Amino acid sequence: MASHEVTFPITDPAEILKLRAGDEVTVQGHIIGIRDRTQIRIFDQGVEPPMDLGGGFLLHTAPNVRKVGEDAEGHGKYEKICIGTTTSARMVRFTEGLGEQYGVRAICGKGGFPDVAIEPMQRLGMVYFAIVGGAAALETTQIEEIEEVLWEELMPECLWKFRVKDFGPLIVGIDAHGNSLYHDVQARAHDKLKELYARL
């Protein structure tokens, strides 16, 4: 297992190819919060996202925040209360479109992605980062500021732009080479079940 520090958004796709399943990653720069309703609007309703997702790291989240005012354009300004993650598997159907149409390079959430994500992530040069469930208090401290919130009418499932420092450590759960820790765990569990049944 190797350790990496990666800054997002990524400009060189080769940075993603350095990451292997099981590696540890600490993230700097910016990450984008996204959730079900946001992606339904983009892909099912055909609305272009008002934020550049290219080279981006998407975090599956619907954060708990406090509105503290508005900027010059009338967009709300928010301060963080608690920013955790939500389960990723139900959003797997958006993975290919995010990579192919918008150049997303990393996705992170709870619970991982099923095997259907492996091929498009390999083909499009994407990774899935595993994060510890229930660690929202720590993650919130690693988010320095909420810099931008768009599609506020979807609150809390808006598009969020977070500036982060030392976010993680995360584990590469699925890499861009076709490897998946989630697949490996399922395979080992299946083999163990067969072994147990054989003893009955």
N, C-alpha and C. Protein backbone atom coordinates (compact mmCIF):
# COMPACT_ATOMS: atom_id res chain seq x y z
N MET A 1 0.84 -1.19 0.00
CA MET A 1 0.00 0.00 0.00
C MET A 1 0.88 1.25 0.00
N ALA A 2 0.59 2.13 -0.93
CA ALA A 2 1.33 3.40 -1.02
C ALA A 2 0.46 4.53 -0.48
N SER A 3 1.11 5.63 -0.12
CA SER A 3 0.39 6.82 0.34
C SER A 3 0.60 7.94 -0.66
N HIS A 4 -0.46 8.71 -0.91
CA HIS A 4 -0.41 9.78 -1.91
C HIS A 4 -1.07 11.02 -1.34
N GLU A 5 -0.64 12.18 -1.84
CA GLU A 5 -1.34 13.43 -1.62
C GLU A 5 -1.77 13.94 -2.99
N VAL A 6 -3.06 14.18 -3.16
CA VAL A 6 -3.61 14.56 -4.47
C VAL A 6 -4.40 15.85 -4.32
N THR A 7 -4.18 16.77 -5.25
CA THR A 7 -4.91 18.04 -5.25
C THR A 7 -5.95 18.01 -6.36
N PHE A 8 -7.17 18.36 -6.00
CA PHE A 8 -8.28 18.43 -6.96
C PHE A 8 -8.75 19.87 -7.10
N PRO A 9 -9.23 20.23 -8.34
CA PRO A 9 -9.41 19.36 -9.49
C PRO A 9 -8.08 18.98 -10.14
N ILE A 10 -8.07 17.81 -10.74
CA ILE A 10 -6.86 17.27 -11.37
C ILE A 10 -6.77 17.79 -12.80
N THR A 11 -5.58 18.20 -13.20
CA THR A 11 -5.38 18.63 -14.58
C THR A 11 -4.67 17.57 -15.41
N ASP A 12 -3.95 16.67 -14.75
CA ASP A 12 -3.23 15.60 -15.44
C ASP A 12 -3.85 14.26 -15.08
N PRO A 13 -4.56 13.60 -16.01
CA PRO A 13 -5.20 12.32 -15.72
C PRO A 13 -4.22 11.24 -15.25
N ALA A 14 -2.94 11.40 -15.55
CA ALA A 14 -1.95 10.42 -15.11
C ALA A 14 -1.87 10.34 -13.59
N GLU A 15 -2.27 11.42 -12.90
CA GLU A 15 -2.27 11.40 -11.44
C GLU A 15 -3.20 10.31 -10.90
N ILE A 16 -4.32 10.10 -11.60
CA ILE A 16 -5.28 9.07 -11.18
C ILE A 16 -4.71 7.68 -11.42
N LEU A 17 -3.96 7.52 -12.49
CA LEU A 17 -3.41 6.20 -12.84
C LEU A 17 -2.34 5.75 -11.84
N LYS A 18 -1.81 6.67 -11.06
CA LYS A 18 -0.83 6.29 -10.04
C LYS A 18 -1.48 5.58 -8.86
N LEU A 19 -2.78 5.77 -8.71
CA LEU A 19 -3.48 5.26 -7.53
C LEU A 19 -3.92 3.82 -7.76
N ARG A 20 -3.67 2.98 -6.77
CA ARG A 20 -4.03 1.56 -6.84
C ARG A 20 -4.96 1.20 -5.69
N ALA A 21 -5.86 0.27 -5.93
CA ALA A 21 -6.78 -0.18 -4.89
C ALA A 21 -6.01 -0.55 -3.63
N GLY A 22 -6.45 0.00 -2.50
CA GLY A 22 -5.79 -0.22 -1.24
C GLY A 22 -4.85 0.88 -0.82
N ASP A 23 -4.48 1.77 -1.77
CA ASP A 23 -3.61 2.89 -1.43
C ASP A 23 -4.34 3.90 -0.55
N GLU A 24 -3.56 4.64 0.22
CA GLU A 24 -4.09 5.69 1.09
C GLU A 24 -3.89 7.04 0.41
N VAL A 25 -4.91 7.88 0.48
CA VAL A 25 -4.87 9.18 -0.21
C VAL A 25 -5.34 10.29 0.74
N THR A 26 -4.59 11.39 0.76
CA THR A 26 -5.01 12.61 1.44
C THR A 26 -5.25 13.66 0.37
N VAL A 27 -6.36 14.37 0.47
CA VAL A 27 -6.80 15.27 -0.59
C VAL A 27 -6.67 16.73 -0.16
N GLN A 28 -6.18 17.53 -1.09
CA GLN A 28 -6.09 18.99 -0.93
C GLN A 28 -6.93 19.65 -2.04
N GLY A 29 -7.17 20.94 -1.87
CA GLY A 29 -7.82 21.69 -2.95
C GLY A 29 -9.31 21.81 -2.76
N HIS A 30 -10.07 21.35 -3.76
CA HIS A 30 -11.52 21.50 -3.75
C HIS A 30 -12.21 20.18 -4.05
N ILE A 31 -13.32 19.95 -3.35
CA ILE A 31 -14.18 18.82 -3.69
C ILE A 31 -15.60 19.36 -3.86
N ILE A 32 -16.41 18.62 -4.59
CA ILE A 32 -17.76 19.05 -4.93
C ILE A 32 -18.76 18.10 -4.28
N GLY A 33 -19.67 18.65 -3.50
CA GLY A 33 -20.74 17.86 -2.91
C GLY A 33 -21.88 17.68 -3.90
N ILE A 34 -22.39 16.45 -3.95
CA ILE A 34 -23.44 16.10 -4.91
C ILE A 34 -24.27 14.97 -4.31
N ARG A 35 -25.53 14.85 -4.73
CA ARG A 35 -26.34 13.75 -4.22
C ARG A 35 -27.41 13.37 -5.26
N ASP A 36 -28.37 12.53 -4.86
CA ASP A 36 -29.34 11.96 -5.81
C ASP A 36 -30.04 13.00 -6.65
N ARG A 37 -30.67 13.98 -6.00
CA ARG A 37 -31.51 14.93 -6.74
C ARG A 37 -30.68 15.76 -7.71
N THR A 38 -29.45 16.06 -7.33
CA THR A 38 -28.57 16.82 -8.22
C THR A 38 -28.32 16.05 -9.50
N GLN A 39 -28.00 14.76 -9.36
CA GLN A 39 -27.67 13.94 -10.52
C GLN A 39 -28.91 13.59 -11.35
N ILE A 40 -30.04 13.46 -10.69
CA ILE A 40 -31.30 13.25 -11.42
C ILE A 40 -31.59 14.47 -12.29
N ARG A 41 -31.35 15.66 -11.77
CA ARG A 41 -31.56 16.87 -12.56
C ARG A 41 -30.63 16.89 -13.78
N ILE A 42 -29.37 16.53 -13.57
CA ILE A 42 -28.39 16.56 -14.67
C ILE A 42 -28.72 15.53 -15.74
N PHE A 43 -28.92 14.28 -15.32
CA PHE A 43 -29.01 13.19 -16.30
C PHE A 43 -30.44 12.84 -16.70
N ASP A 44 -31.37 12.81 -15.78
CA ASP A 44 -32.74 12.43 -16.11
C ASP A 44 -33.53 13.61 -16.67
N GLN A 45 -33.21 14.82 -16.19
CA GLN A 45 -33.95 16.00 -16.65
C GLN A 45 -33.16 16.80 -17.69
N GLY A 46 -31.91 16.42 -17.94
CA GLY A 46 -31.12 17.03 -19.00
C GLY A 46 -30.69 18.46 -18.74
N VAL A 47 -30.46 18.82 -17.49
CA VAL A 47 -30.05 20.18 -17.14
C VAL A 47 -28.54 20.21 -16.92
N GLU A 48 -27.85 21.07 -17.65
CA GLU A 48 -26.40 21.15 -17.51
C GLU A 48 -26.02 21.70 -16.14
N PRO A 49 -25.03 21.11 -15.49
CA PRO A 49 -24.64 21.63 -14.17
C PRO A 49 -24.03 23.01 -14.29
N PRO A 50 -24.35 23.91 -13.37
CA PRO A 50 -23.83 25.28 -13.41
C PRO A 50 -22.44 25.41 -12.82
N MET A 51 -21.82 24.29 -12.51
CA MET A 51 -20.49 24.26 -11.92
C MET A 51 -19.62 23.33 -12.75
N ASP A 52 -18.37 23.71 -12.99
CA ASP A 52 -17.45 22.87 -13.76
C ASP A 52 -17.05 21.65 -12.94
N LEU A 53 -17.34 20.46 -13.46
CA LEU A 53 -17.01 19.23 -12.77
C LEU A 53 -15.72 18.60 -13.29
N GLY A 54 -15.11 19.20 -14.31
CA GLY A 54 -13.92 18.64 -14.95
C GLY A 54 -12.77 18.43 -13.99
N GLY A 55 -12.21 17.22 -14.01
CA GLY A 55 -11.09 16.89 -13.14
C GLY A 55 -11.47 16.78 -11.68
N GLY A 56 -12.77 16.75 -11.42
CA GLY A 56 -13.25 16.90 -10.06
C GLY A 56 -13.33 15.64 -9.22
N PHE A 57 -13.47 15.91 -7.94
CA PHE A 57 -13.69 14.91 -6.89
C PHE A 57 -15.10 15.19 -6.37
N LEU A 58 -16.01 14.22 -6.51
CA LEU A 58 -17.39 14.37 -6.06
C LEU A 58 -17.60 13.61 -4.76
N LEU A 59 -18.19 14.28 -3.79
CA LEU A 59 -18.50 13.68 -2.50
C LEU A 59 -20.01 13.51 -2.38
N HIS A 60 -20.44 12.27 -2.13
CA HIS A 60 -21.87 12.01 -1.94
C HIS A 60 -22.30 12.52 -0.57
N THR A 61 -22.98 13.65 -0.57
CA THR A 61 -23.32 14.30 0.70
C THR A 61 -24.56 15.17 0.56
N ALA A 62 -25.22 15.40 1.68
CA ALA A 62 -26.27 16.41 1.81
C ALA A 62 -26.01 17.08 3.15
N PRO A 63 -25.14 18.06 3.19
CA PRO A 63 -24.59 18.56 4.46
C PRO A 63 -25.58 19.32 5.32
N ASN A 64 -25.26 19.34 6.59
CA ASN A 64 -26.00 20.13 7.57
C ASN A 64 -25.27 21.46 7.71
N VAL A 65 -25.94 22.55 7.33
CA VAL A 65 -25.29 23.86 7.27
C VAL A 65 -26.18 24.93 7.87
N ARG A 66 -25.62 26.12 8.03
CA ARG A 66 -26.37 27.29 8.52
C ARG A 66 -26.19 28.42 7.53
N LYS A 67 -27.29 29.03 7.07
CA LYS A 67 -27.20 30.16 6.15
C LYS A 67 -26.82 31.40 6.93
N VAL A 68 -25.82 32.13 6.42
CA VAL A 68 -25.32 33.31 7.14
C VAL A 68 -25.42 34.59 6.31
N GLY A 69 -26.04 34.52 5.13
CA GLY A 69 -26.16 35.71 4.31
C GLY A 69 -26.22 35.37 2.84
N GLU A 70 -25.99 36.36 2.00
CA GLU A 70 -25.99 36.18 0.56
C GLU A 70 -24.82 36.93 -0.05
N ASP A 71 -24.35 36.44 -1.21
CA ASP A 71 -23.28 37.14 -1.91
C ASP A 71 -23.88 38.20 -2.84
N ALA A 72 -23.03 38.85 -3.63
CA ALA A 72 -23.48 39.95 -4.49
C ALA A 72 -24.46 39.49 -5.56
N GLU A 73 -24.40 38.20 -5.94
CA GLU A 73 -25.30 37.67 -6.97
C GLU A 73 -26.59 37.11 -6.37
N GLY A 74 -26.72 37.21 -5.05
CA GLY A 74 -27.93 36.70 -4.41
C GLY A 74 -27.87 35.24 -4.03
N HIS A 75 -26.71 34.60 -4.21
CA HIS A 75 -26.54 33.21 -3.79
C HIS A 75 -26.30 33.18 -2.28
N GLY A 76 -26.86 32.16 -1.64
CA GLY A 76 -26.70 32.04 -0.20
C GLY A 76 -25.26 31.75 0.19
N LYS A 77 -24.88 32.30 1.33
CA LYS A 77 -23.58 31.98 1.93
C LYS A 77 -23.86 31.12 3.16
N TYR A 78 -23.08 30.05 3.30
CA TYR A 78 -23.36 29.07 4.33
C TYR A 78 -22.10 28.74 5.13
N GLU A 79 -22.33 28.42 6.40
CA GLU A 79 -21.24 27.90 7.22
C GLU A 79 -21.57 26.45 7.58
N LYS A 80 -20.53 25.67 7.74
CA LYS A 80 -20.70 24.23 7.99
C LYS A 80 -21.15 23.98 9.43
N ILE A 81 -21.98 22.98 9.58
CA ILE A 81 -22.30 22.42 10.90
C ILE A 81 -21.76 20.99 10.95
N CYS A 82 -22.23 20.16 10.02
CA CYS A 82 -21.73 18.79 9.93
C CYS A 82 -21.84 18.33 8.49
N ILE A 83 -20.71 17.90 7.92
CA ILE A 83 -20.69 17.47 6.52
C ILE A 83 -20.18 16.02 6.48
N GLY A 84 -21.12 15.11 6.36
CA GLY A 84 -20.78 13.69 6.29
C GLY A 84 -21.06 13.14 4.90
N THR A 85 -21.07 11.82 4.80
CA THR A 85 -21.30 11.18 3.51
C THR A 85 -22.54 10.31 3.55
N THR A 86 -23.05 9.99 2.38
CA THR A 86 -24.21 9.12 2.26
C THR A 86 -23.84 7.92 1.38
N THR A 87 -24.72 6.92 1.38
CA THR A 87 -24.46 5.66 0.68
C THR A 87 -24.40 5.87 -0.83
N SER A 88 -23.36 5.32 -1.45
CA SER A 88 -23.08 5.56 -2.86
C SER A 88 -23.82 4.62 -3.82
N ALA A 89 -24.08 3.40 -3.41
CA ALA A 89 -24.52 2.36 -4.35
C ALA A 89 -25.75 2.77 -5.16
N ARG A 90 -26.67 3.50 -4.55
CA ARG A 90 -27.89 3.87 -5.27
C ARG A 90 -27.63 4.89 -6.37
N MET A 91 -26.44 5.49 -6.38
CA MET A 91 -26.11 6.50 -7.39
C MET A 91 -25.15 5.97 -8.46
N VAL A 92 -24.92 4.67 -8.46
CA VAL A 92 -23.92 4.11 -9.38
C VAL A 92 -24.29 4.34 -10.84
N ARG A 93 -25.57 4.44 -11.15
CA ARG A 93 -25.98 4.58 -12.55
C ARG A 93 -25.50 5.88 -13.19
N PHE A 94 -25.09 6.84 -12.39
CA PHE A 94 -24.63 8.12 -12.93
C PHE A 94 -23.12 8.13 -13.21
N THR A 95 -22.42 7.08 -12.81
CA THR A 95 -20.95 7.09 -12.86
C THR A 95 -20.41 7.31 -14.26
N GLU A 96 -20.89 6.54 -15.22
CA GLU A 96 -20.37 6.65 -16.58
C GLU A 96 -20.58 8.05 -17.16
N GLY A 97 -21.77 8.60 -16.99
CA GLY A 97 -22.04 9.93 -17.50
C GLY A 97 -21.17 11.00 -16.86
N LEU A 98 -20.93 10.87 -15.56
CA LEU A 98 -20.08 11.84 -14.87
C LEU A 98 -18.67 11.85 -15.44
N GLY A 99 -18.15 10.66 -15.73
CA GLY A 99 -16.80 10.58 -16.29
C GLY A 99 -16.75 10.95 -17.75
N GLU A 100 -17.69 10.43 -18.53
CA GLU A 100 -17.65 10.60 -19.98
C GLU A 100 -18.05 12.00 -20.42
N GLN A 101 -19.11 12.53 -19.83
CA GLN A 101 -19.63 13.83 -20.26
C GLN A 101 -18.99 15.02 -19.53
N TYR A 102 -18.57 14.80 -18.28
CA TYR A 102 -18.14 15.93 -17.47
C TYR A 102 -16.72 15.82 -16.93
N GLY A 103 -16.03 14.71 -17.23
CA GLY A 103 -14.62 14.61 -16.85
C GLY A 103 -14.34 14.45 -15.38
N VAL A 104 -15.32 13.94 -14.63
CA VAL A 104 -15.11 13.68 -13.20
C VAL A 104 -14.04 12.60 -13.05
N ARG A 105 -13.15 12.76 -12.07
CA ARG A 105 -12.04 11.81 -11.89
C ARG A 105 -12.15 10.98 -10.62
N ALA A 106 -12.89 11.46 -9.61
CA ALA A 106 -12.99 10.72 -8.35
C ALA A 106 -14.37 10.90 -7.74
N ILE A 107 -14.85 9.82 -7.12
CA ILE A 107 -16.12 9.83 -6.41
C ILE A 107 -15.86 9.22 -5.04
N CYS A 108 -16.55 9.74 -4.03
CA CYS A 108 -16.34 9.26 -2.66
C CYS A 108 -17.67 9.23 -1.93
N GLY A 109 -17.86 8.20 -1.13
CA GLY A 109 -19.05 8.09 -0.31
C GLY A 109 -18.95 6.88 0.58
N LYS A 110 -20.08 6.49 1.16
CA LYS A 110 -20.09 5.34 2.05
C LYS A 110 -20.48 4.07 1.29
N GLY A 111 -19.87 2.96 1.66
CA GLY A 111 -20.34 1.65 1.23
C GLY A 111 -19.83 1.14 -0.10
N GLY A 112 -19.21 2.00 -0.90
CA GLY A 112 -18.63 1.54 -2.16
C GLY A 112 -19.63 1.44 -3.29
N PHE A 113 -19.10 1.03 -4.44
CA PHE A 113 -19.88 0.81 -5.65
C PHE A 113 -19.90 -0.68 -5.98
N PRO A 114 -20.99 -1.18 -6.57
CA PRO A 114 -21.02 -2.56 -7.04
C PRO A 114 -20.16 -2.75 -8.29
N ASP A 115 -20.03 -4.00 -8.71
CA ASP A 115 -19.13 -4.34 -9.82
C ASP A 115 -19.46 -3.62 -11.12
N VAL A 116 -20.70 -3.20 -11.31
CA VAL A 116 -21.08 -2.53 -12.55
C VAL A 116 -20.29 -1.25 -12.78
N ALA A 117 -19.70 -0.69 -11.71
CA ALA A 117 -18.92 0.55 -11.85
C ALA A 117 -17.49 0.29 -12.31
N ILE A 118 -17.02 -0.93 -12.20
CA ILE A 118 -15.59 -1.20 -12.44
C ILE A 118 -15.18 -0.89 -13.87
N GLU A 119 -15.93 -1.39 -14.85
CA GLU A 119 -15.53 -1.20 -16.25
C GLU A 119 -15.56 0.26 -16.68
N PRO A 120 -16.64 1.02 -16.43
CA PRO A 120 -16.60 2.43 -16.85
C PRO A 120 -15.53 3.24 -16.13
N MET A 121 -15.27 2.93 -14.87
CA MET A 121 -14.24 3.67 -14.14
C MET A 121 -12.86 3.38 -14.72
N GLN A 122 -12.63 2.15 -15.12
CA GLN A 122 -11.35 1.81 -15.76
C GLN A 122 -11.23 2.49 -17.12
N ARG A 123 -12.28 2.43 -17.90
CA ARG A 123 -12.25 2.99 -19.25
C ARG A 123 -12.10 4.51 -19.24
N LEU A 124 -12.67 5.16 -18.24
CA LEU A 124 -12.70 6.63 -18.21
C LEU A 124 -11.66 7.23 -17.28
N GLY A 125 -10.85 6.38 -16.63
CA GLY A 125 -9.80 6.90 -15.75
C GLY A 125 -10.33 7.55 -14.50
N MET A 126 -11.17 6.80 -13.77
CA MET A 126 -11.79 7.30 -12.55
C MET A 126 -11.45 6.40 -11.37
N VAL A 127 -11.58 6.94 -10.16
CA VAL A 127 -11.40 6.14 -8.95
C VAL A 127 -12.57 6.39 -8.00
N TYR A 128 -12.77 5.42 -7.12
CA TYR A 128 -13.73 5.58 -6.03
C TYR A 128 -12.94 5.54 -4.73
N PHE A 129 -13.13 6.56 -3.90
CA PHE A 129 -12.47 6.62 -2.61
C PHE A 129 -13.41 6.13 -1.51
N ALA A 130 -12.92 5.23 -0.69
CA ALA A 130 -13.66 4.79 0.48
C ALA A 130 -13.38 5.74 1.64
N ILE A 131 -14.43 6.03 2.40
CA ILE A 131 -14.31 6.92 3.55
C ILE A 131 -14.96 6.22 4.74
N VAL A 132 -14.48 6.50 5.92
CA VAL A 132 -15.02 5.84 7.11
C VAL A 132 -16.41 6.38 7.41
N GLY A 133 -17.39 5.49 7.45
CA GLY A 133 -18.74 5.89 7.83
C GLY A 133 -18.78 6.32 9.28
N GLY A 134 -19.58 7.34 9.58
CA GLY A 134 -19.71 7.80 10.95
C GLY A 134 -18.63 8.76 11.40
N ALA A 135 -17.76 9.16 10.47
CA ALA A 135 -16.65 10.05 10.83
C ALA A 135 -16.91 11.49 10.39
N ALA A 136 -18.18 11.87 10.31
CA ALA A 136 -18.53 13.19 9.80
C ALA A 136 -17.92 14.32 10.61
N ALA A 137 -17.81 14.14 11.93
CA ALA A 137 -17.24 15.21 12.76
C ALA A 137 -15.81 15.52 12.36
N LEU A 138 -15.03 14.47 12.09
CA LEU A 138 -13.65 14.67 11.64
C LEU A 138 -13.62 15.27 10.24
N GLU A 139 -14.42 14.72 9.34
CA GLU A 139 -14.44 15.22 7.95
C GLU A 139 -14.78 16.71 7.92
N THR A 140 -15.70 17.12 8.78
CA THR A 140 -16.13 18.52 8.80
C THR A 140 -14.96 19.43 9.15
N THR A 141 -14.09 18.99 10.06
CA THR A 141 -12.94 19.83 10.42
C THR A 141 -11.96 19.96 9.26
N GLN A 142 -11.97 19.00 8.33
CA GLN A 142 -11.03 19.02 7.20
C GLN A 142 -11.56 19.84 6.03
N ILE A 143 -12.81 20.26 6.12
CA ILE A 143 -13.40 21.17 5.13
C ILE A 143 -13.24 22.58 5.66
N GLU A 144 -12.39 23.36 5.01
CA GLU A 144 -12.08 24.70 5.52
C GLU A 144 -13.20 25.70 5.28
N GLU A 145 -13.84 25.59 4.12
CA GLU A 145 -14.87 26.59 3.80
C GLU A 145 -15.82 26.06 2.74
N ILE A 146 -17.07 26.46 2.84
CA ILE A 146 -18.04 26.26 1.76
C ILE A 146 -17.91 27.47 0.85
N GLU A 147 -17.33 27.28 -0.32
CA GLU A 147 -17.04 28.42 -1.20
C GLU A 147 -18.19 28.78 -2.13
N GLU A 148 -19.01 27.79 -2.49
CA GLU A 148 -20.07 28.08 -3.46
C GLU A 148 -21.19 27.06 -3.29
N VAL A 149 -22.43 27.52 -3.44
CA VAL A 149 -23.61 26.64 -3.40
C VAL A 149 -24.51 27.02 -4.56
N LEU A 150 -24.79 26.05 -5.42
CA LEU A 150 -25.65 26.29 -6.58
C LEU A 150 -26.82 25.30 -6.56
N TRP A 151 -27.90 25.68 -7.22
CA TRP A 151 -29.16 24.92 -7.17
C TRP A 151 -29.66 24.83 -5.73
N GLU A 152 -29.73 25.98 -5.08
CA GLU A 152 -30.15 26.03 -3.67
C GLU A 152 -31.56 25.50 -3.45
N GLU A 153 -32.39 25.53 -4.49
CA GLU A 153 -33.76 25.03 -4.34
C GLU A 153 -33.79 23.52 -4.08
N LEU A 154 -32.68 22.84 -4.30
CA LEU A 154 -32.60 21.41 -4.01
C LEU A 154 -32.09 21.14 -2.60
N MET A 155 -31.90 22.17 -1.81
CA MET A 155 -31.36 22.06 -0.46
C MET A 155 -31.91 20.85 0.30
N PRO A 156 -31.06 20.02 0.92
CA PRO A 156 -29.60 20.15 1.01
C PRO A 156 -28.85 19.43 -0.11
N GLU A 157 -29.60 18.95 -1.15
CA GLU A 157 -28.95 18.19 -2.22
C GLU A 157 -28.52 19.10 -3.36
N CYS A 158 -27.87 20.19 -3.01
CA CYS A 158 -27.39 21.18 -3.98
C CYS A 158 -26.06 20.72 -4.56
N LEU A 159 -25.48 21.57 -5.38
CA LEU A 159 -24.08 21.43 -5.76
C LEU A 159 -23.27 22.30 -4.81
N TRP A 160 -22.33 21.69 -4.11
CA TRP A 160 -21.53 22.36 -3.10
C TRP A 160 -20.07 22.36 -3.51
N LYS A 161 -19.41 23.49 -3.37
CA LYS A 161 -17.97 23.54 -3.60
C LYS A 161 -17.28 23.79 -2.26
N PHE A 162 -16.50 22.79 -1.84
CA PHE A 162 -15.80 22.87 -0.56
C PHE A 162 -14.30 23.03 -0.78
N ARG A 163 -13.67 23.91 -0.03
CA ARG A 163 -12.21 23.96 0.01
C ARG A 163 -11.75 23.09 1.18
N VAL A 164 -10.84 22.15 0.88
CA VAL A 164 -10.41 21.19 1.90
C VAL A 164 -8.91 21.26 2.13
N LYS A 165 -8.52 20.80 3.31
CA LYS A 165 -7.11 20.68 3.65
C LYS A 165 -6.92 19.36 4.39
N ASP A 166 -6.02 18.53 3.88
CA ASP A 166 -5.72 17.23 4.49
C ASP A 166 -6.98 16.40 4.68
N PHE A 167 -7.81 16.34 3.64
CA PHE A 167 -9.06 15.59 3.71
C PHE A 167 -8.75 14.10 3.59
N GLY A 168 -9.13 13.36 4.63
CA GLY A 168 -8.84 11.93 4.65
C GLY A 168 -8.21 11.54 5.98
N PRO A 169 -7.42 10.47 5.98
CA PRO A 169 -7.03 9.69 4.80
C PRO A 169 -8.18 8.87 4.24
N LEU A 170 -8.19 8.76 2.92
CA LEU A 170 -9.14 7.94 2.18
C LEU A 170 -8.42 6.70 1.67
N ILE A 171 -9.18 5.68 1.34
CA ILE A 171 -8.62 4.48 0.73
C ILE A 171 -9.16 4.34 -0.68
N VAL A 172 -8.30 4.01 -1.64
CA VAL A 172 -8.75 3.77 -3.00
C VAL A 172 -9.51 2.45 -3.00
N GLY A 173 -10.84 2.54 -3.13
CA GLY A 173 -11.67 1.34 -3.12
C GLY A 173 -11.78 0.71 -4.50
N ILE A 174 -11.86 1.53 -5.53
CA ILE A 174 -11.85 1.07 -6.93
C ILE A 174 -10.86 1.95 -7.67
N ASP A 175 -9.93 1.33 -8.37
CA ASP A 175 -8.94 2.12 -9.11
C ASP A 175 -9.26 2.15 -10.60
N ALA A 176 -8.43 2.86 -11.36
CA ALA A 176 -8.64 3.01 -12.80
C ALA A 176 -8.00 1.88 -13.60
N HIS A 177 -7.64 0.81 -12.91
CA HIS A 177 -7.02 -0.35 -13.56
C HIS A 177 -7.89 -1.59 -13.48
N GLY A 178 -9.14 -1.42 -13.03
CA GLY A 178 -10.06 -2.55 -12.96
C GLY A 178 -10.04 -3.32 -11.66
N ASN A 179 -9.42 -2.77 -10.63
CA ASN A 179 -9.36 -3.45 -9.33
C ASN A 179 -10.37 -2.84 -8.38
N SER A 180 -11.03 -3.69 -7.58
CA SER A 180 -12.04 -3.23 -6.63
C SER A 180 -11.92 -4.00 -5.33
N LEU A 181 -11.70 -3.28 -4.24
CA LEU A 181 -11.68 -3.93 -2.93
C LEU A 181 -13.04 -4.51 -2.59
N TYR A 182 -14.11 -3.88 -3.05
CA TYR A 182 -15.46 -4.36 -2.77
C TYR A 182 -15.71 -5.70 -3.47
N HIS A 183 -15.26 -5.82 -4.70
CA HIS A 183 -15.38 -7.09 -5.41
C HIS A 183 -14.59 -8.17 -4.70
N ASP A 184 -13.39 -7.85 -4.26
CA ASP A 184 -12.54 -8.84 -3.60
C ASP A 184 -13.16 -9.33 -2.30
N VAL A 185 -13.74 -8.41 -1.53
CA VAL A 185 -14.38 -8.80 -0.27
C VAL A 185 -15.57 -9.71 -0.54
N GLN A 186 -16.37 -9.35 -1.54
CA GLN A 186 -17.54 -10.18 -1.88
C GLN A 186 -17.11 -11.58 -2.32
N ALA A 187 -16.05 -11.66 -3.11
CA ALA A 187 -15.56 -12.95 -3.57
C ALA A 187 -15.08 -13.81 -2.40
N ARG A 188 -14.35 -13.20 -1.47
CA ARG A 188 -13.87 -13.94 -0.30
C ARG A 188 -15.03 -14.40 0.58
N ALA A 189 -16.03 -13.53 0.73
CA ALA A 189 -17.20 -13.89 1.53
C ALA A 189 -17.95 -15.05 0.89
N HIS A 190 -18.08 -15.02 -0.44
CA HIS A 190 -18.76 -16.11 -1.15
C HIS A 190 -18.03 -17.43 -0.96
N ASP A 191 -16.71 -17.39 -1.07
CA ASP A 191 -15.91 -18.60 -0.88
C ASP A 191 -16.06 -19.13 0.55
N LYS A 192 -16.10 -18.22 1.52
CA LYS A 192 -16.24 -18.63 2.92
C LYS A 192 -17.60 -19.27 3.17
N LEU A 193 -18.64 -18.71 2.54
CA LEU A 193 -19.97 -19.30 2.68
C LEU A 193 -20.01 -20.72 2.13
N LYS A 194 -19.40 -20.91 0.97
CA LYS A 194 -19.36 -22.26 0.39
C LYS A 194 -18.65 -23.22 1.33
N GLU A 195 -17.59 -22.75 1.94
CA GLU A 195 -16.84 -23.59 2.89
C GLU A 195 -17.70 -23.95 4.09
N LEU A 196 -18.45 -22.97 4.60
CA LEU A 196 -19.31 -23.22 5.76
C LEU A 196 -20.44 -24.17 5.43
N TYR A 197 -21.05 -23.98 4.24
CA TYR A 197 -22.14 -24.88 3.83
C TYR A 197 -21.66 -26.31 3.68
N ALA A 198 -20.42 -26.45 3.20
CA ALA A 198 -19.87 -27.78 3.00
C ALA A 198 -19.71 -28.55 4.31
N ARG A 199 -19.58 -27.81 5.40
CA ARG A 199 -19.40 -28.45 6.71
C ARG A 199 -20.73 -28.92 7.32
N LEU A 200 -21.84 -28.41 6.80
CA LEU A 200 -23.15 -28.75 7.38
C LEU A 200 -23.55 -30.17 7.06
